[in-house]
Amino acid sequence: MVEDDPVYRAYLTGLLKNTPEVEFVHAWESAEAMLAAPRFPLVELLFIDLELPGASGLELISRLGELQNPPRCVVLTSSLDPKDVFTAIRGGASGYLVKSMDPQAFLENLRQVIQDGVSLSPFIARMLIDEFRHAPSQPGGRHLALKTLTSRERQVLDSMAKHGSAKGMGEALGLSHETVRVHMKKIYQKLHVKSKAEALAVLAQESQS
């Protein structure tokens, strides 16, 4: 993680070290300190605060995105400013979490990122849907690929806009989260997308046509 608050940094380090899915934890107080560390290329998942001394969290995400094998970056901040959310997601962030969440919710989101590669809360998903609905339509026929989805896949896609996790989608549809992830993989392949955000964009474009 990259977090300049020493108290929160120590708290999160302890929480992560006691999580079975986590092999090791490194924490840095700034982007510059992380980039100078010899072990940072080994990091697979990085939690980044937006407000950092020196380079900001958004600047760090952008710089890491230029690497050949960048780590998955998840914003962990106090900000719910839509501008920050959109900039982070467009810049390559795999998730956007707020520090006010309880430990259990944080760990659930952690597992979601590990399993699905991305973590979008229902609130963030709704933000993205609204943004794409008001954005100018882009040329291309991705939205036509929606017609290739099976009825169950379409249910999963619609549920994706309302529920932020595979677990939440599974509970709503009466499916296991493993089955939901299988459907999500097929949906991504048919829509030619790589993330929930892109899939939701295709769904939003349908409402414009």
N, C-alpha and C. Protein backbone atom coordinates (compact mmCIF):
# COMPACT_ATOMS: atom_id res chain seq x y z
N MET A 1 0.84 -1.19 0.00
CA MET A 1 0.00 0.00 0.00
C MET A 1 0.87 1.24 0.00
N VAL A 2 0.31 2.34 -0.50
CA VAL A 2 0.97 3.63 -0.43
C VAL A 2 0.04 4.55 0.35
N GLU A 3 0.42 4.85 1.58
CA GLU A 3 -0.44 5.58 2.52
C GLU A 3 0.44 6.43 3.42
N ASP A 4 0.18 7.74 3.45
CA ASP A 4 1.04 8.62 4.24
C ASP A 4 0.62 8.75 5.70
N ASP A 5 -0.60 8.33 6.06
CA ASP A 5 -1.04 8.38 7.45
C ASP A 5 -0.46 7.19 8.20
N PRO A 6 0.48 7.41 9.13
CA PRO A 6 1.14 6.28 9.80
C PRO A 6 0.19 5.41 10.62
N VAL A 7 -0.84 6.01 11.20
CA VAL A 7 -1.78 5.24 12.02
C VAL A 7 -2.61 4.32 11.13
N TYR A 8 -3.17 4.87 10.06
CA TYR A 8 -3.98 4.05 9.16
C TYR A 8 -3.10 3.02 8.46
N ARG A 9 -1.89 3.40 8.13
CA ARG A 9 -0.96 2.47 7.47
C ARG A 9 -0.68 1.26 8.37
N ALA A 10 -0.46 1.52 9.65
CA ALA A 10 -0.19 0.43 10.59
C ALA A 10 -1.42 -0.45 10.78
N TYR A 11 -2.59 0.19 10.84
CA TYR A 11 -3.84 -0.56 11.01
C TYR A 11 -4.07 -1.50 9.82
N LEU A 12 -3.92 -0.97 8.62
CA LEU A 12 -4.20 -1.76 7.42
C LEU A 12 -3.14 -2.85 7.24
N THR A 13 -1.91 -2.54 7.58
CA THR A 13 -0.85 -3.55 7.49
C THR A 13 -1.18 -4.75 8.37
N GLY A 14 -1.62 -4.48 9.60
CA GLY A 14 -1.99 -5.56 10.51
C GLY A 14 -3.16 -6.36 10.01
N LEU A 15 -4.16 -5.67 9.45
CA LEU A 15 -5.34 -6.34 8.91
C LEU A 15 -4.97 -7.26 7.75
N LEU A 16 -4.14 -6.77 6.85
CA LEU A 16 -3.75 -7.55 5.68
C LEU A 16 -2.87 -8.73 6.04
N LYS A 17 -1.97 -8.55 7.00
CA LYS A 17 -1.06 -9.64 7.38
C LYS A 17 -1.81 -10.82 7.98
N ASN A 18 -3.00 -10.58 8.52
CA ASN A 18 -3.80 -11.64 9.10
C ASN A 18 -4.83 -12.21 8.13
N THR A 19 -4.69 -11.87 6.84
CA THR A 19 -5.61 -12.36 5.81
C THR A 19 -4.96 -13.50 5.05
N PRO A 20 -5.58 -14.69 5.01
CA PRO A 20 -4.96 -15.87 4.39
C PRO A 20 -4.57 -15.66 2.93
N GLU A 21 -5.35 -14.87 2.18
CA GLU A 21 -5.07 -14.69 0.76
C GLU A 21 -3.83 -13.83 0.49
N VAL A 22 -3.32 -13.17 1.51
CA VAL A 22 -2.20 -12.24 1.35
C VAL A 22 -0.89 -12.92 1.73
N GLU A 23 0.04 -12.94 0.79
CA GLU A 23 1.32 -13.61 1.03
C GLU A 23 2.28 -12.73 1.80
N PHE A 24 2.40 -11.47 1.39
CA PHE A 24 3.26 -10.53 2.11
C PHE A 24 2.72 -9.13 1.93
N VAL A 25 3.11 -8.23 2.83
CA VAL A 25 2.61 -6.85 2.83
C VAL A 25 3.79 -5.89 2.88
N HIS A 26 3.77 -4.91 2.00
CA HIS A 26 4.73 -3.82 2.05
C HIS A 26 3.95 -2.51 2.10
N ALA A 27 4.46 -1.55 2.83
CA ALA A 27 3.77 -0.26 2.95
C ALA A 27 4.78 0.87 2.77
N TRP A 28 4.40 1.86 1.98
CA TRP A 28 5.25 3.02 1.75
C TRP A 28 4.45 4.29 2.04
N GLU A 29 5.16 5.34 2.45
CA GLU A 29 4.50 6.58 2.82
C GLU A 29 4.32 7.53 1.64
N SER A 30 4.93 7.22 0.48
CA SER A 30 4.80 8.09 -0.68
C SER A 30 5.04 7.30 -1.95
N ALA A 31 4.62 7.89 -3.08
CA ALA A 31 4.86 7.25 -4.38
C ALA A 31 6.35 7.13 -4.65
N GLU A 32 7.08 8.18 -4.30
CA GLU A 32 8.51 8.18 -4.55
C GLU A 32 9.22 7.08 -3.77
N ALA A 33 8.80 6.86 -2.51
CA ALA A 33 9.41 5.81 -1.69
C ALA A 33 9.13 4.44 -2.28
N MET A 34 7.92 4.23 -2.80
CA MET A 34 7.58 2.94 -3.38
C MET A 34 8.38 2.68 -4.65
N LEU A 35 8.44 3.68 -5.53
CA LEU A 35 9.14 3.51 -6.80
C LEU A 35 10.63 3.29 -6.62
N ALA A 36 11.17 3.76 -5.50
CA ALA A 36 12.60 3.59 -5.22
C ALA A 36 12.90 2.27 -4.53
N ALA A 37 11.87 1.56 -4.08
CA ALA A 37 12.07 0.31 -3.35
C ALA A 37 12.42 -0.82 -4.31
N PRO A 38 13.41 -1.62 -4.00
CA PRO A 38 13.82 -2.71 -4.89
C PRO A 38 12.77 -3.80 -5.06
N ARG A 39 11.86 -3.94 -4.09
CA ARG A 39 10.88 -5.02 -4.15
C ARG A 39 9.55 -4.61 -4.77
N PHE A 40 9.40 -3.35 -5.15
CA PHE A 40 8.09 -2.93 -5.65
C PHE A 40 7.67 -3.66 -6.93
N PRO A 41 8.60 -4.10 -7.82
CA PRO A 41 8.15 -4.84 -9.01
C PRO A 41 7.48 -6.17 -8.66
N LEU A 42 7.65 -6.67 -7.42
CA LEU A 42 7.04 -7.94 -7.04
C LEU A 42 5.60 -7.78 -6.58
N VAL A 43 5.16 -6.55 -6.39
CA VAL A 43 3.82 -6.29 -5.87
C VAL A 43 2.77 -6.66 -6.92
N GLU A 44 1.75 -7.41 -6.51
CA GLU A 44 0.67 -7.80 -7.42
C GLU A 44 -0.56 -6.91 -7.27
N LEU A 45 -0.79 -6.42 -6.06
CA LEU A 45 -1.98 -5.60 -5.78
C LEU A 45 -1.55 -4.43 -4.91
N LEU A 46 -1.95 -3.23 -5.32
CA LEU A 46 -1.50 -2.03 -4.62
C LEU A 46 -2.69 -1.17 -4.23
N PHE A 47 -2.80 -0.88 -2.93
CA PHE A 47 -3.80 0.06 -2.43
C PHE A 47 -3.15 1.43 -2.36
N ILE A 48 -3.79 2.43 -2.96
CA ILE A 48 -3.18 3.75 -3.10
C ILE A 48 -4.12 4.83 -2.57
N ASP A 49 -3.61 5.65 -1.68
CA ASP A 49 -4.34 6.82 -1.23
C ASP A 49 -4.21 7.89 -2.31
N LEU A 50 -5.20 8.74 -2.47
CA LEU A 50 -5.13 9.79 -3.49
C LEU A 50 -4.26 10.96 -3.07
N GLU A 51 -4.39 11.36 -1.80
CA GLU A 51 -3.65 12.52 -1.32
C GLU A 51 -2.35 12.06 -0.68
N LEU A 52 -1.26 12.23 -1.42
CA LEU A 52 0.05 11.80 -0.96
C LEU A 52 1.03 12.97 -1.04
N PRO A 53 2.06 12.96 -0.21
CA PRO A 53 3.11 13.98 -0.37
C PRO A 53 3.87 13.70 -1.67
N GLY A 54 4.22 14.75 -2.39
CA GLY A 54 4.88 14.52 -3.67
C GLY A 54 3.86 14.15 -4.73
N ALA A 55 4.16 13.12 -5.54
CA ALA A 55 3.24 12.68 -6.58
C ALA A 55 1.94 12.17 -5.96
N SER A 56 0.81 12.51 -6.57
CA SER A 56 -0.49 12.10 -6.04
C SER A 56 -0.76 10.63 -6.39
N GLY A 57 -1.80 10.07 -5.79
CA GLY A 57 -2.18 8.71 -6.08
C GLY A 57 -2.56 8.53 -7.55
N LEU A 58 -3.26 9.52 -8.12
CA LEU A 58 -3.64 9.44 -9.52
C LEU A 58 -2.43 9.46 -10.43
N GLU A 59 -1.44 10.27 -10.08
CA GLU A 59 -0.21 10.32 -10.87
C GLU A 59 0.53 8.99 -10.79
N LEU A 60 0.51 8.38 -9.61
CA LEU A 60 1.19 7.09 -9.44
C LEU A 60 0.51 6.01 -10.28
N ILE A 61 -0.82 5.97 -10.28
CA ILE A 61 -1.55 4.99 -11.09
C ILE A 61 -1.19 5.15 -12.56
N SER A 62 -1.11 6.40 -13.02
CA SER A 62 -0.77 6.67 -14.41
C SER A 62 0.64 6.18 -14.73
N ARG A 63 1.59 6.42 -13.83
CA ARG A 63 2.98 6.00 -14.06
C ARG A 63 3.10 4.48 -14.06
N LEU A 64 2.39 3.83 -13.15
CA LEU A 64 2.46 2.37 -13.09
C LEU A 64 1.83 1.74 -14.33
N GLY A 65 0.83 2.41 -14.90
CA GLY A 65 0.17 1.89 -16.08
C GLY A 65 1.09 1.82 -17.29
N GLU A 66 2.21 2.52 -17.24
CA GLU A 66 3.17 2.50 -18.34
C GLU A 66 4.11 1.30 -18.27
N LEU A 67 4.08 0.56 -17.15
CA LEU A 67 4.95 -0.59 -16.99
C LEU A 67 4.45 -1.76 -17.84
N GLN A 68 5.33 -2.68 -18.15
CA GLN A 68 4.96 -3.84 -18.95
C GLN A 68 4.01 -4.75 -18.19
N ASN A 69 4.27 -4.93 -16.89
CA ASN A 69 3.41 -5.76 -16.04
C ASN A 69 3.04 -4.97 -14.79
N PRO A 70 2.13 -4.02 -14.92
CA PRO A 70 1.78 -3.19 -13.77
C PRO A 70 0.97 -3.95 -12.73
N PRO A 71 1.09 -3.59 -11.46
CA PRO A 71 0.25 -4.22 -10.44
C PRO A 71 -1.18 -3.71 -10.58
N ARG A 72 -2.13 -4.47 -10.07
CA ARG A 72 -3.51 -3.98 -10.01
C ARG A 72 -3.56 -2.89 -8.93
N CYS A 73 -4.09 -1.75 -9.29
CA CYS A 73 -4.13 -0.61 -8.37
C CYS A 73 -5.57 -0.35 -7.92
N VAL A 74 -5.75 -0.29 -6.62
CA VAL A 74 -7.06 0.01 -6.04
C VAL A 74 -6.94 1.27 -5.20
N VAL A 75 -7.76 2.25 -5.52
CA VAL A 75 -7.77 3.49 -4.75
C VAL A 75 -8.40 3.22 -3.39
N LEU A 76 -7.74 3.68 -2.34
CA LEU A 76 -8.27 3.57 -0.98
C LEU A 76 -8.18 4.96 -0.37
N THR A 77 -9.30 5.64 -0.30
CA THR A 77 -9.29 7.06 0.04
C THR A 77 -10.53 7.45 0.81
N SER A 78 -10.57 8.70 1.25
CA SER A 78 -11.76 9.23 1.92
C SER A 78 -12.67 9.98 0.94
N SER A 79 -12.18 10.20 -0.27
CA SER A 79 -12.91 11.02 -1.24
C SER A 79 -13.98 10.23 -1.99
N LEU A 80 -15.17 10.81 -2.07
CA LEU A 80 -16.24 10.29 -2.93
C LEU A 80 -16.57 11.29 -4.03
N ASP A 81 -15.63 12.16 -4.32
CA ASP A 81 -15.80 13.14 -5.38
C ASP A 81 -15.88 12.40 -6.72
N PRO A 82 -16.98 12.55 -7.48
CA PRO A 82 -17.11 11.85 -8.76
C PRO A 82 -15.92 12.08 -9.68
N LYS A 83 -15.33 13.28 -9.65
CA LYS A 83 -14.18 13.57 -10.50
C LYS A 83 -13.02 12.63 -10.17
N ASP A 84 -12.79 12.41 -8.87
CA ASP A 84 -11.72 11.50 -8.46
C ASP A 84 -12.03 10.07 -8.90
N VAL A 85 -13.29 9.66 -8.74
CA VAL A 85 -13.70 8.30 -9.11
C VAL A 85 -13.47 8.06 -10.60
N PHE A 86 -13.99 8.98 -11.45
CA PHE A 86 -13.88 8.80 -12.90
C PHE A 86 -12.43 8.85 -13.36
N THR A 87 -11.65 9.77 -12.79
CA THR A 87 -10.26 9.91 -13.20
C THR A 87 -9.47 8.65 -12.84
N ALA A 88 -9.74 8.10 -11.66
CA ALA A 88 -9.03 6.91 -11.22
C ALA A 88 -9.37 5.70 -12.08
N ILE A 89 -10.66 5.49 -12.35
CA ILE A 89 -11.08 4.34 -13.15
C ILE A 89 -10.57 4.47 -14.58
N ARG A 90 -10.70 5.67 -15.16
CA ARG A 90 -10.21 5.88 -16.52
C ARG A 90 -8.69 5.75 -16.58
N GLY A 91 -8.03 6.09 -15.47
CA GLY A 91 -6.57 6.01 -15.45
C GLY A 91 -6.03 4.62 -15.28
N GLY A 92 -6.93 3.65 -14.99
CA GLY A 92 -6.48 2.27 -14.89
C GLY A 92 -6.69 1.61 -13.54
N ALA A 93 -7.32 2.30 -12.59
CA ALA A 93 -7.56 1.69 -11.28
C ALA A 93 -8.51 0.50 -11.39
N SER A 94 -8.23 -0.56 -10.67
CA SER A 94 -9.07 -1.77 -10.68
C SER A 94 -10.17 -1.71 -9.63
N GLY A 95 -10.21 -0.67 -8.86
CA GLY A 95 -11.23 -0.54 -7.83
C GLY A 95 -11.14 0.81 -7.15
N TYR A 96 -12.17 1.14 -6.38
CA TYR A 96 -12.22 2.41 -5.67
C TYR A 96 -12.93 2.16 -4.35
N LEU A 97 -12.19 2.19 -3.27
CA LEU A 97 -12.72 1.90 -1.94
C LEU A 97 -12.56 3.11 -1.04
N VAL A 98 -13.47 3.24 -0.07
CA VAL A 98 -13.40 4.35 0.88
C VAL A 98 -12.95 3.84 2.24
N LYS A 99 -12.19 4.66 2.94
CA LYS A 99 -11.59 4.26 4.21
C LYS A 99 -12.62 4.06 5.32
N SER A 100 -13.81 4.59 5.14
CA SER A 100 -14.81 4.50 6.19
C SER A 100 -15.44 3.11 6.29
N MET A 101 -15.19 2.23 5.33
CA MET A 101 -15.80 0.90 5.37
C MET A 101 -15.25 0.10 6.55
N ASP A 102 -16.07 -0.83 7.05
CA ASP A 102 -15.63 -1.64 8.18
C ASP A 102 -14.66 -2.71 7.69
N PRO A 103 -13.89 -3.32 8.61
CA PRO A 103 -12.87 -4.31 8.20
C PRO A 103 -13.43 -5.46 7.39
N GLN A 104 -14.62 -5.97 7.75
CA GLN A 104 -15.19 -7.09 7.02
C GLN A 104 -15.51 -6.71 5.58
N ALA A 105 -16.05 -5.52 5.38
CA ALA A 105 -16.36 -5.05 4.03
C ALA A 105 -15.08 -4.86 3.22
N PHE A 106 -14.03 -4.35 3.88
CA PHE A 106 -12.76 -4.17 3.18
C PHE A 106 -12.20 -5.50 2.71
N LEU A 107 -12.23 -6.50 3.59
CA LEU A 107 -11.69 -7.82 3.22
C LEU A 107 -12.52 -8.47 2.12
N GLU A 108 -13.84 -8.23 2.13
CA GLU A 108 -14.69 -8.77 1.06
C GLU A 108 -14.31 -8.14 -0.28
N ASN A 109 -14.04 -6.84 -0.27
CA ASN A 109 -13.61 -6.17 -1.49
C ASN A 109 -12.23 -6.63 -1.92
N LEU A 110 -11.36 -6.89 -0.95
CA LEU A 110 -10.04 -7.43 -1.25
C LEU A 110 -10.16 -8.76 -1.99
N ARG A 111 -10.98 -9.65 -1.47
CA ARG A 111 -11.17 -10.95 -2.11
C ARG A 111 -11.79 -10.81 -3.49
N GLN A 112 -12.67 -9.83 -3.64
CA GLN A 112 -13.30 -9.60 -4.94
C GLN A 112 -12.27 -9.18 -5.97
N VAL A 113 -11.33 -8.31 -5.57
CA VAL A 113 -10.28 -7.89 -6.49
C VAL A 113 -9.40 -9.07 -6.86
N ILE A 114 -9.07 -9.91 -5.88
CA ILE A 114 -8.23 -11.08 -6.14
C ILE A 114 -8.93 -12.04 -7.10
N GLN A 115 -10.23 -12.25 -6.91
CA GLN A 115 -10.97 -13.23 -7.70
C GLN A 115 -11.41 -12.68 -9.05
N ASP A 116 -11.94 -11.46 -9.06
CA ASP A 116 -12.53 -10.91 -10.27
C ASP A 116 -11.61 -9.95 -11.02
N GLY A 117 -10.56 -9.48 -10.34
CA GLY A 117 -9.66 -8.53 -10.97
C GLY A 117 -10.10 -7.09 -10.85
N VAL A 118 -11.28 -6.86 -10.26
CA VAL A 118 -11.80 -5.51 -10.13
C VAL A 118 -12.80 -5.47 -8.98
N SER A 119 -12.96 -4.32 -8.36
CA SER A 119 -13.94 -4.17 -7.29
C SER A 119 -14.69 -2.86 -7.48
N LEU A 120 -15.97 -2.96 -7.78
CA LEU A 120 -16.82 -1.78 -7.94
C LEU A 120 -18.00 -1.88 -6.98
N SER A 121 -18.10 -0.94 -6.07
CA SER A 121 -19.25 -0.94 -5.18
C SER A 121 -20.48 -0.54 -5.98
N PRO A 122 -21.69 -0.88 -5.51
CA PRO A 122 -22.91 -0.44 -6.22
C PRO A 122 -22.95 1.06 -6.45
N PHE A 123 -22.46 1.82 -5.48
CA PHE A 123 -22.45 3.28 -5.60
C PHE A 123 -21.56 3.71 -6.76
N ILE A 124 -20.36 3.12 -6.87
CA ILE A 124 -19.44 3.47 -7.94
C ILE A 124 -20.00 2.99 -9.28
N ALA A 125 -20.61 1.80 -9.31
CA ALA A 125 -21.20 1.29 -10.55
C ALA A 125 -22.28 2.23 -11.07
N ARG A 126 -23.11 2.75 -10.16
CA ARG A 126 -24.16 3.68 -10.58
C ARG A 126 -23.55 4.97 -11.13
N MET A 127 -22.47 5.43 -10.50
CA MET A 127 -21.77 6.62 -10.99
C MET A 127 -21.31 6.42 -12.43
N LEU A 128 -20.72 5.25 -12.70
CA LEU A 128 -20.20 4.97 -14.03
C LEU A 128 -21.33 4.88 -15.06
N ILE A 129 -22.42 4.22 -14.68
CA ILE A 129 -23.58 4.11 -15.57
C ILE A 129 -24.08 5.51 -15.94
N ASP A 130 -24.25 6.38 -14.95
CA ASP A 130 -24.74 7.74 -15.19
C ASP A 130 -23.78 8.51 -16.09
N GLU A 131 -22.49 8.32 -15.85
CA GLU A 131 -21.49 9.03 -16.65
C GLU A 131 -21.56 8.61 -18.11
N PHE A 132 -21.63 7.31 -18.37
CA PHE A 132 -21.67 6.83 -19.75
C PHE A 132 -22.98 7.21 -20.45
N ARG A 133 -24.07 7.28 -19.69
CA ARG A 133 -25.35 7.65 -20.28
C ARG A 133 -25.34 9.08 -20.79
N HIS A 134 -24.56 9.94 -20.10
CA HIS A 134 -24.53 11.34 -20.48
C HIS A 134 -23.35 11.66 -21.39
N ALA A 135 -22.50 10.67 -21.64
CA ALA A 135 -21.36 10.90 -22.54
C ALA A 135 -21.80 10.71 -23.98
N PRO A 136 -21.15 11.38 -24.92
CA PRO A 136 -21.49 11.18 -26.34
C PRO A 136 -21.26 9.74 -26.75
N SER A 137 -22.14 9.21 -27.59
CA SER A 137 -21.99 7.83 -28.06
C SER A 137 -20.75 7.70 -28.90
N GLN A 138 -20.07 6.58 -28.74
CA GLN A 138 -18.86 6.31 -29.51
C GLN A 138 -19.21 5.42 -30.70
N PRO A 139 -18.51 5.60 -31.82
CA PRO A 139 -18.77 4.74 -32.97
C PRO A 139 -18.38 3.31 -32.66
N GLY A 140 -19.02 2.37 -33.34
CA GLY A 140 -18.70 0.96 -33.10
C GLY A 140 -19.98 0.20 -32.82
N GLY A 141 -19.87 -1.12 -32.88
CA GLY A 141 -21.05 -1.94 -32.71
C GLY A 141 -21.02 -2.84 -31.51
N ARG A 142 -20.26 -2.45 -30.48
CA ARG A 142 -20.19 -3.32 -29.31
C ARG A 142 -21.56 -3.59 -28.72
N HIS A 143 -22.42 -2.55 -28.71
CA HIS A 143 -23.73 -2.73 -28.09
C HIS A 143 -24.56 -3.78 -28.84
N LEU A 144 -24.23 -4.01 -30.14
CA LEU A 144 -24.95 -5.03 -30.89
C LEU A 144 -24.62 -6.42 -30.37
N ALA A 145 -23.45 -6.56 -29.74
CA ALA A 145 -23.05 -7.86 -29.20
C ALA A 145 -23.94 -8.27 -28.03
N LEU A 146 -24.68 -7.32 -27.47
CA LEU A 146 -25.60 -7.66 -26.39
C LEU A 146 -26.64 -8.68 -26.84
N LYS A 147 -26.95 -8.67 -28.12
CA LYS A 147 -27.96 -9.59 -28.65
C LYS A 147 -27.44 -11.03 -28.68
N THR A 148 -26.13 -11.21 -28.54
CA THR A 148 -25.56 -12.56 -28.55
C THR A 148 -25.58 -13.20 -27.17
N LEU A 149 -25.92 -12.42 -26.15
CA LEU A 149 -25.93 -12.95 -24.78
C LEU A 149 -27.14 -13.87 -24.58
N THR A 150 -26.95 -14.91 -23.81
CA THR A 150 -28.08 -15.75 -23.42
C THR A 150 -28.94 -14.98 -22.42
N SER A 151 -30.13 -15.48 -22.14
CA SER A 151 -31.02 -14.80 -21.20
C SER A 151 -30.38 -14.73 -19.81
N ARG A 152 -29.68 -15.80 -19.41
CA ARG A 152 -29.02 -15.79 -18.10
C ARG A 152 -27.87 -14.81 -18.08
N GLU A 153 -27.10 -14.76 -19.17
CA GLU A 153 -25.99 -13.82 -19.22
C GLU A 153 -26.49 -12.39 -19.18
N ARG A 154 -27.63 -12.14 -19.82
CA ARG A 154 -28.19 -10.80 -19.78
C ARG A 154 -28.65 -10.45 -18.36
N GLN A 155 -29.21 -11.44 -17.64
CA GLN A 155 -29.60 -11.21 -16.25
C GLN A 155 -28.39 -10.86 -15.40
N VAL A 156 -27.29 -11.56 -15.64
CA VAL A 156 -26.06 -11.29 -14.89
C VAL A 156 -25.54 -9.89 -15.20
N LEU A 157 -25.57 -9.51 -16.48
CA LEU A 157 -25.11 -8.18 -16.87
C LEU A 157 -25.97 -7.09 -16.25
N ASP A 158 -27.29 -7.27 -16.27
CA ASP A 158 -28.18 -6.29 -15.66
C ASP A 158 -27.94 -6.21 -14.16
N SER A 159 -27.68 -7.36 -13.54
CA SER A 159 -27.42 -7.39 -12.11
C SER A 159 -26.10 -6.72 -11.77
N MET A 160 -25.18 -6.74 -12.73
CA MET A 160 -23.87 -6.13 -12.52
C MET A 160 -23.99 -4.63 -12.25
N ALA A 161 -25.01 -4.00 -12.83
CA ALA A 161 -25.22 -2.57 -12.65
C ALA A 161 -25.81 -2.24 -11.28
N LYS A 162 -26.35 -3.25 -10.61
CA LYS A 162 -27.01 -3.02 -9.32
C LYS A 162 -26.22 -3.55 -8.14
N HIS A 163 -25.39 -4.55 -8.37
CA HIS A 163 -24.65 -5.19 -7.29
C HIS A 163 -23.16 -5.14 -7.60
N GLY A 164 -22.37 -4.75 -6.62
CA GLY A 164 -20.95 -4.52 -6.87
C GLY A 164 -20.06 -5.73 -6.82
N SER A 165 -20.53 -6.85 -6.36
CA SER A 165 -19.67 -8.02 -6.24
C SER A 165 -20.32 -9.25 -6.82
N ALA A 166 -19.48 -10.25 -7.15
CA ALA A 166 -20.01 -11.52 -7.64
C ALA A 166 -20.90 -12.17 -6.59
N LYS A 167 -20.55 -11.98 -5.33
CA LYS A 167 -21.36 -12.54 -4.25
C LYS A 167 -22.74 -11.89 -4.22
N GLY A 168 -22.78 -10.55 -4.32
CA GLY A 168 -24.06 -9.85 -4.31
C GLY A 168 -24.91 -10.20 -5.51
N MET A 169 -24.27 -10.33 -6.67
CA MET A 169 -25.00 -10.71 -7.88
C MET A 169 -25.55 -12.12 -7.75
N GLY A 170 -24.75 -13.03 -7.15
CA GLY A 170 -25.18 -14.41 -6.97
C GLY A 170 -26.38 -14.51 -6.05
N GLU A 171 -26.35 -13.73 -4.96
CA GLU A 171 -27.47 -13.75 -4.01
C GLU A 171 -28.74 -13.24 -4.68
N ALA A 172 -28.60 -12.21 -5.52
CA ALA A 172 -29.78 -11.65 -6.18
C ALA A 172 -30.36 -12.61 -7.22
N LEU A 173 -29.50 -13.41 -7.85
CA LEU A 173 -29.95 -14.29 -8.92
C LEU A 173 -30.09 -15.74 -8.49
N GLY A 174 -29.75 -16.03 -7.23
CA GLY A 174 -29.83 -17.41 -6.76
C GLY A 174 -28.74 -18.29 -7.34
N LEU A 175 -27.55 -17.71 -7.58
CA LEU A 175 -26.43 -18.44 -8.14
C LEU A 175 -25.24 -18.37 -7.20
N SER A 176 -24.33 -19.31 -7.30
CA SER A 176 -23.09 -19.23 -6.54
C SER A 176 -22.20 -18.18 -7.16
N HIS A 177 -21.30 -17.58 -6.36
CA HIS A 177 -20.44 -16.55 -6.93
C HIS A 177 -19.48 -17.15 -7.95
N GLU A 178 -19.15 -18.45 -7.84
CA GLU A 178 -18.32 -19.09 -8.85
C GLU A 178 -19.04 -19.14 -10.20
N THR A 179 -20.35 -19.49 -10.15
CA THR A 179 -21.14 -19.52 -11.39
C THR A 179 -21.27 -18.13 -12.00
N VAL A 180 -21.44 -17.13 -11.15
CA VAL A 180 -21.53 -15.76 -11.63
C VAL A 180 -20.24 -15.37 -12.35
N ARG A 181 -19.10 -15.73 -11.80
CA ARG A 181 -17.83 -15.38 -12.43
C ARG A 181 -17.66 -16.07 -13.78
N VAL A 182 -18.17 -17.29 -13.90
CA VAL A 182 -18.14 -17.99 -15.19
C VAL A 182 -18.96 -17.22 -16.22
N HIS A 183 -20.16 -16.79 -15.82
CA HIS A 183 -21.01 -16.01 -16.73
C HIS A 183 -20.34 -14.68 -17.09
N MET A 184 -19.70 -14.05 -16.10
CA MET A 184 -19.04 -12.77 -16.35
C MET A 184 -17.93 -12.93 -17.38
N LYS A 185 -17.17 -14.01 -17.28
CA LYS A 185 -16.09 -14.26 -18.23
C LYS A 185 -16.63 -14.39 -19.64
N LYS A 186 -17.76 -15.12 -19.79
CA LYS A 186 -18.37 -15.29 -21.10
C LYS A 186 -18.92 -13.97 -21.64
N ILE A 187 -19.49 -13.17 -20.73
CA ILE A 187 -20.02 -11.86 -21.13
C ILE A 187 -18.89 -10.98 -21.65
N TYR A 188 -17.76 -10.95 -20.94
CA TYR A 188 -16.62 -10.14 -21.37
C TYR A 188 -16.16 -10.58 -22.76
N GLN A 189 -16.11 -11.89 -22.98
CA GLN A 189 -15.65 -12.40 -24.27
C GLN A 189 -16.60 -11.98 -25.39
N LYS A 190 -17.91 -12.09 -25.16
CA LYS A 190 -18.89 -11.75 -26.20
C LYS A 190 -18.94 -10.26 -26.48
N LEU A 191 -18.74 -9.44 -25.45
CA LEU A 191 -18.79 -7.99 -25.63
C LEU A 191 -17.44 -7.41 -26.02
N HIS A 192 -16.40 -8.27 -25.99
CA HIS A 192 -15.03 -7.83 -26.31
C HIS A 192 -14.57 -6.73 -25.36
N VAL A 193 -14.79 -6.97 -24.06
CA VAL A 193 -14.36 -6.05 -23.02
C VAL A 193 -13.48 -6.81 -22.03
N LYS A 194 -12.83 -6.05 -21.15
CA LYS A 194 -11.91 -6.67 -20.19
C LYS A 194 -12.26 -6.35 -18.74
N SER A 195 -13.29 -5.57 -18.50
CA SER A 195 -13.60 -5.17 -17.13
C SER A 195 -15.09 -4.91 -16.96
N LYS A 196 -15.52 -4.82 -15.69
CA LYS A 196 -16.90 -4.48 -15.38
C LYS A 196 -17.24 -3.10 -15.91
N ALA A 197 -16.28 -2.16 -15.75
CA ALA A 197 -16.54 -0.79 -16.19
C ALA A 197 -16.86 -0.76 -17.68
N GLU A 198 -16.11 -1.51 -18.49
CA GLU A 198 -16.35 -1.54 -19.93
C GLU A 198 -17.68 -2.22 -20.25
N ALA A 199 -17.99 -3.29 -19.53
CA ALA A 199 -19.27 -3.98 -19.75
C ALA A 199 -20.44 -3.06 -19.42
N LEU A 200 -20.32 -2.32 -18.34
CA LEU A 200 -21.37 -1.37 -17.96
C LEU A 200 -21.50 -0.25 -18.98
N ALA A 201 -20.38 0.12 -19.60
CA ALA A 201 -20.42 1.16 -20.64
C ALA A 201 -21.22 0.67 -21.83
N VAL A 202 -21.02 -0.59 -22.21
CA VAL A 202 -21.78 -1.16 -23.32
C VAL A 202 -23.28 -1.18 -22.98
N LEU A 203 -23.59 -1.55 -21.75
CA LEU A 203 -24.98 -1.58 -21.31
C LEU A 203 -25.59 -0.19 -21.35
N ALA A 204 -24.82 0.81 -20.92
CA ALA A 204 -25.32 2.18 -20.93
C ALA A 204 -25.54 2.69 -22.34
N GLN A 205 -24.67 2.31 -23.29
CA GLN A 205 -24.82 2.74 -24.67
C GLN A 205 -26.09 2.18 -25.29
N GLU A 206 -26.51 0.99 -24.84
CA GLU A 206 -27.74 0.41 -25.37
C GLU A 206 -28.92 1.31 -25.09
N SER A 207 -28.94 1.94 -23.91
CA SER A 207 -30.07 2.79 -23.55
C SER A 207 -30.10 4.08 -24.37
N GLN A 208 -28.95 4.41 -25.01
CA GLN A 208 -28.89 5.61 -25.83
C GLN A 208 -29.34 5.37 -27.27
N SER A 209 -29.30 4.07 -27.68
CA SER A 209 -29.61 3.75 -29.08
C SER A 209 -31.09 3.58 -29.30
